[in-house]
Amino acid sequence: MIHIFPIGEETLHETKGTQCWCGPDVEWVDPDTREAYREALVIHHSRDHREVVEEAEVILNDGGE
């Protein structure tokens, strides 16, 4: 498994398995190509939810495209 997690967190993320306090997303398939990953991606969330703000900024700046 490959773990992707935010830096600068005060609370450490669990990087063994898929269980963590942040409720990470687990992806097995590339959403663009629909091809299976060789290993699962475990995408952790920040405690302050800054990734939501980053996603909103991308949508507002790029028009969601």
PDB file of N, CA and C in Angstrom:
ATOM      1  N   MET A   1       0.840  -1.178   0.000  1.00  0.00           N
ATOM      2  CA  MET A   1       0.000   0.000   0.000  1.00  0.00           C
ATOM      3  C   MET A   1       0.883   1.238   0.000  1.00  0.00           C
ATOM      4  N   ILE A   2       0.421   2.226  -0.718  1.00  0.00           N
ATOM      5  CA  ILE A   2       1.111   3.506  -0.748  1.00  0.00           C
ATOM      6  C   ILE A   2       0.245   4.506   0.003  1.00  0.00           C
ATOM      7  N   HIS A   3       0.829   5.141   1.008  1.00  0.00           N
ATOM      8  CA  HIS A   3       0.100   6.106   1.824  1.00  0.00           C
ATOM      9  C   HIS A   3       0.466   7.520   1.412  1.00  0.00           C
ATOM     10  N   ILE A   4      -0.550   8.330   1.207  1.00  0.00           N
ATOM     11  CA  ILE A   4      -0.387   9.744   0.892  1.00  0.00           C
ATOM     12  C   ILE A   4      -1.020  10.500   2.048  1.00  0.00           C
ATOM     13  N   PHE A   5      -0.218  11.321   2.718  1.00  0.00           N
ATOM     14  CA  PHE A   5      -0.764  12.030   3.869  1.00  0.00           C
ATOM     15  C   PHE A   5      -0.221  13.446   3.934  1.00  0.00           C
ATOM     16  N   PRO A   6      -0.987  14.360   4.533  1.00  0.00           N
ATOM     17  CA  PRO A   6      -0.568  15.755   4.618  1.00  0.00           C
ATOM     18  C   PRO A   6       0.625  15.915   5.560  1.00  0.00           C
ATOM     19  N   ILE A   7       1.473  16.869   5.234  1.00  0.00           N
ATOM     20  CA  ILE A   7       2.599  17.159   6.111  1.00  0.00           C
ATOM     21  C   ILE A   7       2.189  18.220   7.131  1.00  0.00           C
ATOM     22  N   GLY A   8       2.924  18.294   8.196  1.00  0.00           N
ATOM     23  CA  GLY A   8       2.670  19.318   9.198  1.00  0.00           C
ATOM     24  C   GLY A   8       1.515  19.018  10.136  1.00  0.00           C
ATOM     25  N   GLU A   9       1.119  17.768  10.221  1.00  0.00           N
ATOM     26  CA  GLU A   9       0.027  17.393  11.112  1.00  0.00           C
ATOM     27  C   GLU A   9       0.539  17.226  12.541  1.00  0.00           C
ATOM     28  N   GLU A  10      -0.240  17.660  13.516  1.00  0.00           N
ATOM     29  CA  GLU A  10       0.129  17.460  14.913  1.00  0.00           C
ATOM     30  C   GLU A  10      -0.123  16.024  15.354  1.00  0.00           C
ATOM     31  N   THR A  11      -1.104  15.385  14.739  1.00  0.00           N
ATOM     32  CA  THR A  11      -1.439  13.997  15.049  1.00  0.00           C
ATOM     33  C   THR A  11      -0.909  13.102  13.938  1.00  0.00           C
ATOM     34  N   LEU A  12      -0.173  12.071  14.294  1.00  0.00           N
ATOM     35  CA  LEU A  12       0.369  11.160  13.294  1.00  0.00           C
ATOM     36  C   LEU A  12      -0.733  10.311  12.672  1.00  0.00           C
ATOM     37  N   HIS A  13      -0.535   9.981  11.418  1.00  0.00           N
ATOM     38  CA  HIS A  13      -1.461   9.109  10.696  1.00  0.00           C
ATOM     39  C   HIS A  13      -0.967   7.669  10.803  1.00  0.00           C
ATOM     40  N   GLU A  14      -1.915   6.741  10.793  1.00  0.00           N
ATOM     41  CA  GLU A  14      -1.583   5.316  10.805  1.00  0.00           C
ATOM     42  C   GLU A  14      -1.213   4.906   9.385  1.00  0.00           C
ATOM     43  N   THR A  15       0.014   4.444   9.200  1.00  0.00           N
ATOM     44  CA  THR A  15       0.474   4.104   7.853  1.00  0.00           C
ATOM     45  C   THR A  15       0.652   2.602   7.662  1.00  0.00           C
ATOM     46  N   LYS A  16      -0.031   1.822   8.466  1.00  0.00           N
ATOM     47  CA  LYS A  16      -0.079   0.371   8.281  1.00  0.00           C
ATOM     48  C   LYS A  16      -1.542  -0.003   8.115  1.00  0.00           C
ATOM     49  N   GLY A  17      -1.897  -0.518   6.984  1.00  0.00           N
ATOM     50  CA  GLY A  17      -3.294  -0.860   6.735  1.00  0.00           C
ATOM     51  C   GLY A  17      -4.076   0.341   6.246  1.00  0.00           C
ATOM     52  N   THR A  18      -5.398   0.265   6.418  1.00  0.00           N
ATOM     53  CA  THR A  18      -6.274   1.319   5.909  1.00  0.00           C
ATOM     54  C   THR A  18      -7.061   2.032   6.997  1.00  0.00           C
ATOM     55  N   GLN A  19      -6.827   1.677   8.243  1.00  0.00           N
ATOM     56  CA  GLN A  19      -7.560   2.291   9.345  1.00  0.00           C
ATOM     57  C   GLN A  19      -6.748   3.448   9.916  1.00  0.00           C
ATOM     58  N   CYS A  20      -7.349   4.612  10.019  1.00  0.00           N
ATOM     59  CA  CYS A  20      -6.699   5.798  10.574  1.00  0.00           C
ATOM     60  C   CYS A  20      -7.783   6.715  11.118  1.00  0.00           C
ATOM     61  N   TRP A  21      -7.411   7.575  12.059  1.00  0.00           N
ATOM     62  CA  TRP A  21      -8.378   8.508  12.663  1.00  0.00           C
ATOM     63  C   TRP A  21      -9.010   9.432  11.628  1.00  0.00           C
ATOM     64  N   CYS A  22      -8.334   9.655  10.482  1.00  0.00           N
ATOM     65  CA  CYS A  22      -8.830  10.606   9.486  1.00  0.00           C
ATOM     66  C   CYS A  22      -9.825   9.992   8.498  1.00  0.00           C
ATOM     67  N   GLY A  23     -10.032   8.680   8.570  1.00  0.00           N
ATOM     68  CA  GLY A  23     -10.949   8.022   7.629  1.00  0.00           C
ATOM     69  C   GLY A  23     -10.478   8.150   6.195  1.00  0.00           C
ATOM     70  N   PRO A  24      -9.293   7.627   5.888  1.00  0.00           N
ATOM     71  CA  PRO A  24      -8.715   7.821   4.547  1.00  0.00           C
ATOM     72  C   PRO A  24      -9.532   7.159   3.444  1.00  0.00           C
ATOM     73  N   ASP A  25      -9.372   7.717   2.241  1.00  0.00           N
ATOM     74  CA  ASP A  25      -9.950   7.101   1.049  1.00  0.00           C
ATOM     75  C   ASP A  25      -8.952   6.057   0.558  1.00  0.00           C
ATOM     76  N   VAL A  26      -9.456   4.944   0.063  1.00  0.00           N
ATOM     77  CA  VAL A  26      -8.592   3.905  -0.492  1.00  0.00           C
ATOM     78  C   VAL A  26      -8.971   3.727  -1.954  1.00  0.00           C
ATOM     79  N   GLU A  27      -7.993   3.910  -2.816  1.00  0.00           N
ATOM     80  CA  GLU A  27      -8.241   3.780  -4.250  1.00  0.00           C
ATOM     81  C   GLU A  27      -7.454   2.600  -4.801  1.00  0.00           C
ATOM     82  N   TRP A  28      -8.122   1.785  -5.587  1.00  0.00           N
ATOM     83  CA  TRP A  28      -7.503   0.621  -6.221  1.00  0.00           C
ATOM     84  C   TRP A  28      -7.387   0.817  -7.729  1.00  0.00           C
ATOM     85  N   VAL A  29      -8.133   1.783  -8.267  1.00  0.00           N
ATOM     86  CA  VAL A  29      -8.206   1.985  -9.705  1.00  0.00           C
ATOM     87  C   VAL A  29      -7.965   3.458 -10.020  1.00  0.00           C
ATOM     88  N   ASP A  30      -7.175   3.724 -11.057  1.00  0.00           N
ATOM     89  CA  ASP A  30      -6.936   5.091 -11.510  1.00  0.00           C
ATOM     90  C   ASP A  30      -8.250   5.640 -12.068  1.00  0.00           C
ATOM     91  N   PRO A  31      -8.759   6.745 -11.533  1.00  0.00           N
ATOM     92  CA  PRO A  31     -10.052   7.260 -11.997  1.00  0.00           C
ATOM     93  C   PRO A  31     -10.027   7.771 -13.435  1.00  0.00           C
ATOM     94  N   ASP A  32      -8.845   8.133 -13.942  1.00  0.00           N
ATOM     95  CA  ASP A  32      -8.755   8.638 -15.310  1.00  0.00           C
ATOM     96  C   ASP A  32      -8.661   7.526 -16.342  1.00  0.00           C
ATOM     97  N   THR A  33      -7.841   6.515 -16.062  1.00  0.00           N
ATOM     98  CA  THR A  33      -7.613   5.448 -17.043  1.00  0.00           C
ATOM     99  C   THR A  33      -8.426   4.188 -16.763  1.00  0.00           C
ATOM    100  N   ARG A  34      -8.962   4.088 -15.561  1.00  0.00           N
ATOM    101  CA  ARG A  34      -9.711   2.899 -15.120  1.00  0.00           C
ATOM    102  C   ARG A  34      -8.814   1.661 -15.007  1.00  0.00           C
ATOM    103  N   GLU A  35      -7.495   1.862 -14.998  1.00  0.00           N
ATOM    104  CA  GLU A  35      -6.573   0.750 -14.827  1.00  0.00           C
ATOM    105  C   GLU A  35      -6.287   0.559 -13.342  1.00  0.00           C
ATOM    106  N   ALA A  36      -6.124  -0.697 -12.947  1.00  0.00           N
ATOM    107  CA  ALA A  36      -5.851  -1.007 -11.542  1.00  0.00           C
ATOM    108  C   ALA A  36      -4.442  -0.579 -11.174  1.00  0.00           C
ATOM    109  N   TYR A  37      -4.305  -0.014  -9.988  1.00  0.00           N
ATOM    110  CA  TYR A  37      -2.983   0.302  -9.460  1.00  0.00           C
ATOM    111  C   TYR A  37      -2.296  -0.992  -9.050  1.00  0.00           C
ATOM    112  N   ARG A  38      -0.976  -0.992  -9.047  1.00  0.00           N
ATOM    113  CA  ARG A  38      -0.240  -2.161  -8.579  1.00  0.00           C
ATOM    114  C   ARG A  38      -0.401  -2.335  -7.083  1.00  0.00           C
ATOM    115  N   GLU A  39      -0.544  -1.215  -6.389  1.00  0.00           N
ATOM    116  CA  GLU A  39      -0.794  -1.218  -4.949  1.00  0.00           C
ATOM    117  C   GLU A  39      -1.907  -0.227  -4.670  1.00  0.00           C
ATOM    118  N   ALA A  40      -2.635  -0.458  -3.611  1.00  0.00           N
ATOM    119  CA  ALA A  40      -3.702   0.465  -3.231  1.00  0.00           C
ATOM    120  C   ALA A  40      -3.100   1.797  -2.782  1.00  0.00           C
ATOM    121  N   LEU A  41      -3.792   2.891  -3.107  1.00  0.00           N
ATOM    122  CA  LEU A  41      -3.419   4.208  -2.604  1.00  0.00           C
ATOM    123  C   LEU A  41      -4.309   4.515  -1.406  1.00  0.00           C
ATOM    124  N   VAL A  42      -3.703   4.818  -0.281  1.00  0.00           N
ATOM    125  CA  VAL A  42      -4.441   5.207   0.912  1.00  0.00           C
ATOM    126  C   VAL A  42      -4.230   6.702   1.068  1.00  0.00           C
ATOM    127  N   ILE A  43      -5.290   7.478   0.829  1.00  0.00           N
ATOM    128  CA  ILE A  43      -5.192   8.936   0.808  1.00  0.00           C
ATOM    129  C   ILE A  43      -5.780   9.482   2.101  1.00  0.00           C
ATOM    130  N   HIS A  44      -4.901   9.951   2.958  1.00  0.00           N
ATOM    131  CA  HIS A  44      -5.298  10.454   4.274  1.00  0.00           C
ATOM    132  C   HIS A  44      -5.793  11.897   4.181  1.00  0.00           C
ATOM    133  N   HIS A  45      -6.585  12.295   5.168  1.00  0.00           N
ATOM    134  CA  HIS A  45      -7.148  13.646   5.235  1.00  0.00           C
ATOM    135  C   HIS A  45      -6.508  14.417   6.380  1.00  0.00           C
ATOM    136  N   SER A  46      -6.420  15.720   6.205  1.00  0.00           N
ATOM    137  CA  SER A  46      -5.852  16.554   7.262  1.00  0.00           C
ATOM    138  C   SER A  46      -6.884  16.793   8.368  1.00  0.00           C
ATOM    139  N   ARG A  47      -6.386  17.049   9.559  1.00  0.00           N
ATOM    140  CA  ARG A  47      -7.289  17.320  10.679  1.00  0.00           C
ATOM    141  C   ARG A  47      -8.050  18.625  10.462  1.00  0.00           C
ATOM    142  N   ASP A  48      -7.392  19.616   9.831  1.00  0.00           N
ATOM    143  CA  ASP A  48      -8.052  20.911   9.616  1.00  0.00           C
ATOM    144  C   ASP A  48      -8.792  20.993   8.275  1.00  0.00           C
ATOM    145  N   HIS A  49      -8.831  19.899   7.537  1.00  0.00           N
ATOM    146  CA  HIS A  49      -9.576  19.779   6.267  1.00  0.00           C
ATOM    147  C   HIS A  49      -9.105  20.754   5.202  1.00  0.00           C
ATOM    148  N   ARG A  50      -7.821  21.110   5.218  1.00  0.00           N
ATOM    149  CA  ARG A  50      -7.305  22.080   4.245  1.00  0.00           C
ATOM    150  C   ARG A  50      -7.382  21.587   2.812  1.00  0.00           C
ATOM    151  N   GLU A  51      -7.454  20.279   2.603  1.00  0.00           N
ATOM    152  CA  GLU A  51      -7.555  19.780   1.233  1.00  0.00           C
ATOM    153  C   GLU A  51      -8.878  20.179   0.591  1.00  0.00           C
ATOM    154  N   VAL A  52      -9.917  20.375   1.394  1.00  0.00           N
ATOM    155  CA  VAL A  52     -11.212  20.814   0.863  1.00  0.00           C
ATOM    156  C   VAL A  52     -11.083  22.232   0.307  1.00  0.00           C
ATOM    157  N   VAL A  53     -10.371  23.079   1.039  1.00  0.00           N
ATOM    158  CA  VAL A  53     -10.142  24.452   0.586  1.00  0.00           C
ATOM    159  C   VAL A  53      -9.308  24.448  -0.691  1.00  0.00           C
ATOM    160  N   GLU A  54      -8.284  23.602  -0.742  1.00  0.00           N
ATOM    161  CA  GLU A  54      -7.436  23.515  -1.933  1.00  0.00           C
ATOM    162  C   GLU A  54      -8.244  23.063  -3.144  1.00  0.00           C
ATOM    163  N   GLU A  55      -9.127  22.090  -2.964  1.00  0.00           N
ATOM    164  CA  GLU A  55      -9.968  21.616  -4.070  1.00  0.00           C
ATOM    165  C   GLU A  55     -10.924  22.702  -4.542  1.00  0.00           C
ATOM    166  N   ALA A  56     -11.486  23.475  -3.602  1.00  0.00           N
ATOM    167  CA  ALA A  56     -12.393  24.558  -3.950  1.00  0.00           C
ATOM    168  C   ALA A  56     -11.649  25.643  -4.728  1.00  0.00           C
ATOM    169  N   GLU A  57     -10.427  25.945  -4.330  1.00  0.00           N
ATOM    170  CA  GLU A  57      -9.631  26.942  -5.045  1.00  0.00           C
ATOM    171  C   GLU A  57      -9.359  26.509  -6.480  1.00  0.00           C
ATOM    172  N   VAL A  58      -9.079  25.227  -6.694  1.00  0.00           N
ATOM    173  CA  VAL A  58      -8.854  24.725  -8.037  1.00  0.00           C
ATOM    174  C   VAL A  58     -10.112  24.883  -8.884  1.00  0.00           C
ATOM    175  N   ILE A  59     -11.244  24.542  -8.310  1.00  0.00           N
ATOM    176  CA  ILE A  59     -12.516  24.667  -9.043  1.00  0.00           C
ATOM    177  C   ILE A  59     -12.792  26.125  -9.398  1.00  0.00           C
ATOM    178  N   LEU A  60     -12.589  27.029  -8.441  1.00  0.00           N
ATOM    179  CA  LEU A  60     -12.859  28.445  -8.688  1.00  0.00           C
ATOM    180  C   LEU A  60     -11.878  29.050  -9.694  1.00  0.00           C
ATOM    181  N   ASN A  61     -10.626  28.657  -9.631  1.00  0.00           N
ATOM    182  CA  ASN A  61      -9.608  29.222 -10.522  1.00  0.00           C
ATOM    183  C   ASN A  61      -9.625  28.610 -11.919  1.00  0.00           C
ATOM    184  N   ASP A  62      -9.963  27.331 -12.006  1.00  0.00           N
ATOM    185  CA  ASP A  62      -9.948  26.633 -13.298  1.00  0.00           C
ATOM    186  C   ASP A  62     -11.334  26.428 -13.878  1.00  0.00           C
ATOM    187  N   GLY A  63     -12.340  26.877 -13.209  1.00  0.00           N
ATOM    188  CA  GLY A  63     -13.692  26.678 -13.696  1.00  0.00           C
ATOM    189  C   GLY A  63     -14.156  25.240 -13.596  1.00  0.00           C
ATOM    190  N   GLY A  64     -13.465  24.426 -12.738  1.00  0.00           N
ATOM    191  CA  GLY A  64     -13.863  23.051 -12.545  1.00  0.00           C
ATOM    192  C   GLY A  64     -13.475  22.117 -13.673  1.00  0.00           C
ATOM    193  N   GLU A  65     -12.663  22.579 -14.591  1.00  0.00           N
ATOM    194  CA  GLU A  65     -12.271  21.735 -15.729  1.00  0.00           C
ATOM    195  C   GLU A  65     -10.881  21.207 -15.556  1.00  0.00           C
TER     196      GLU A  65
END
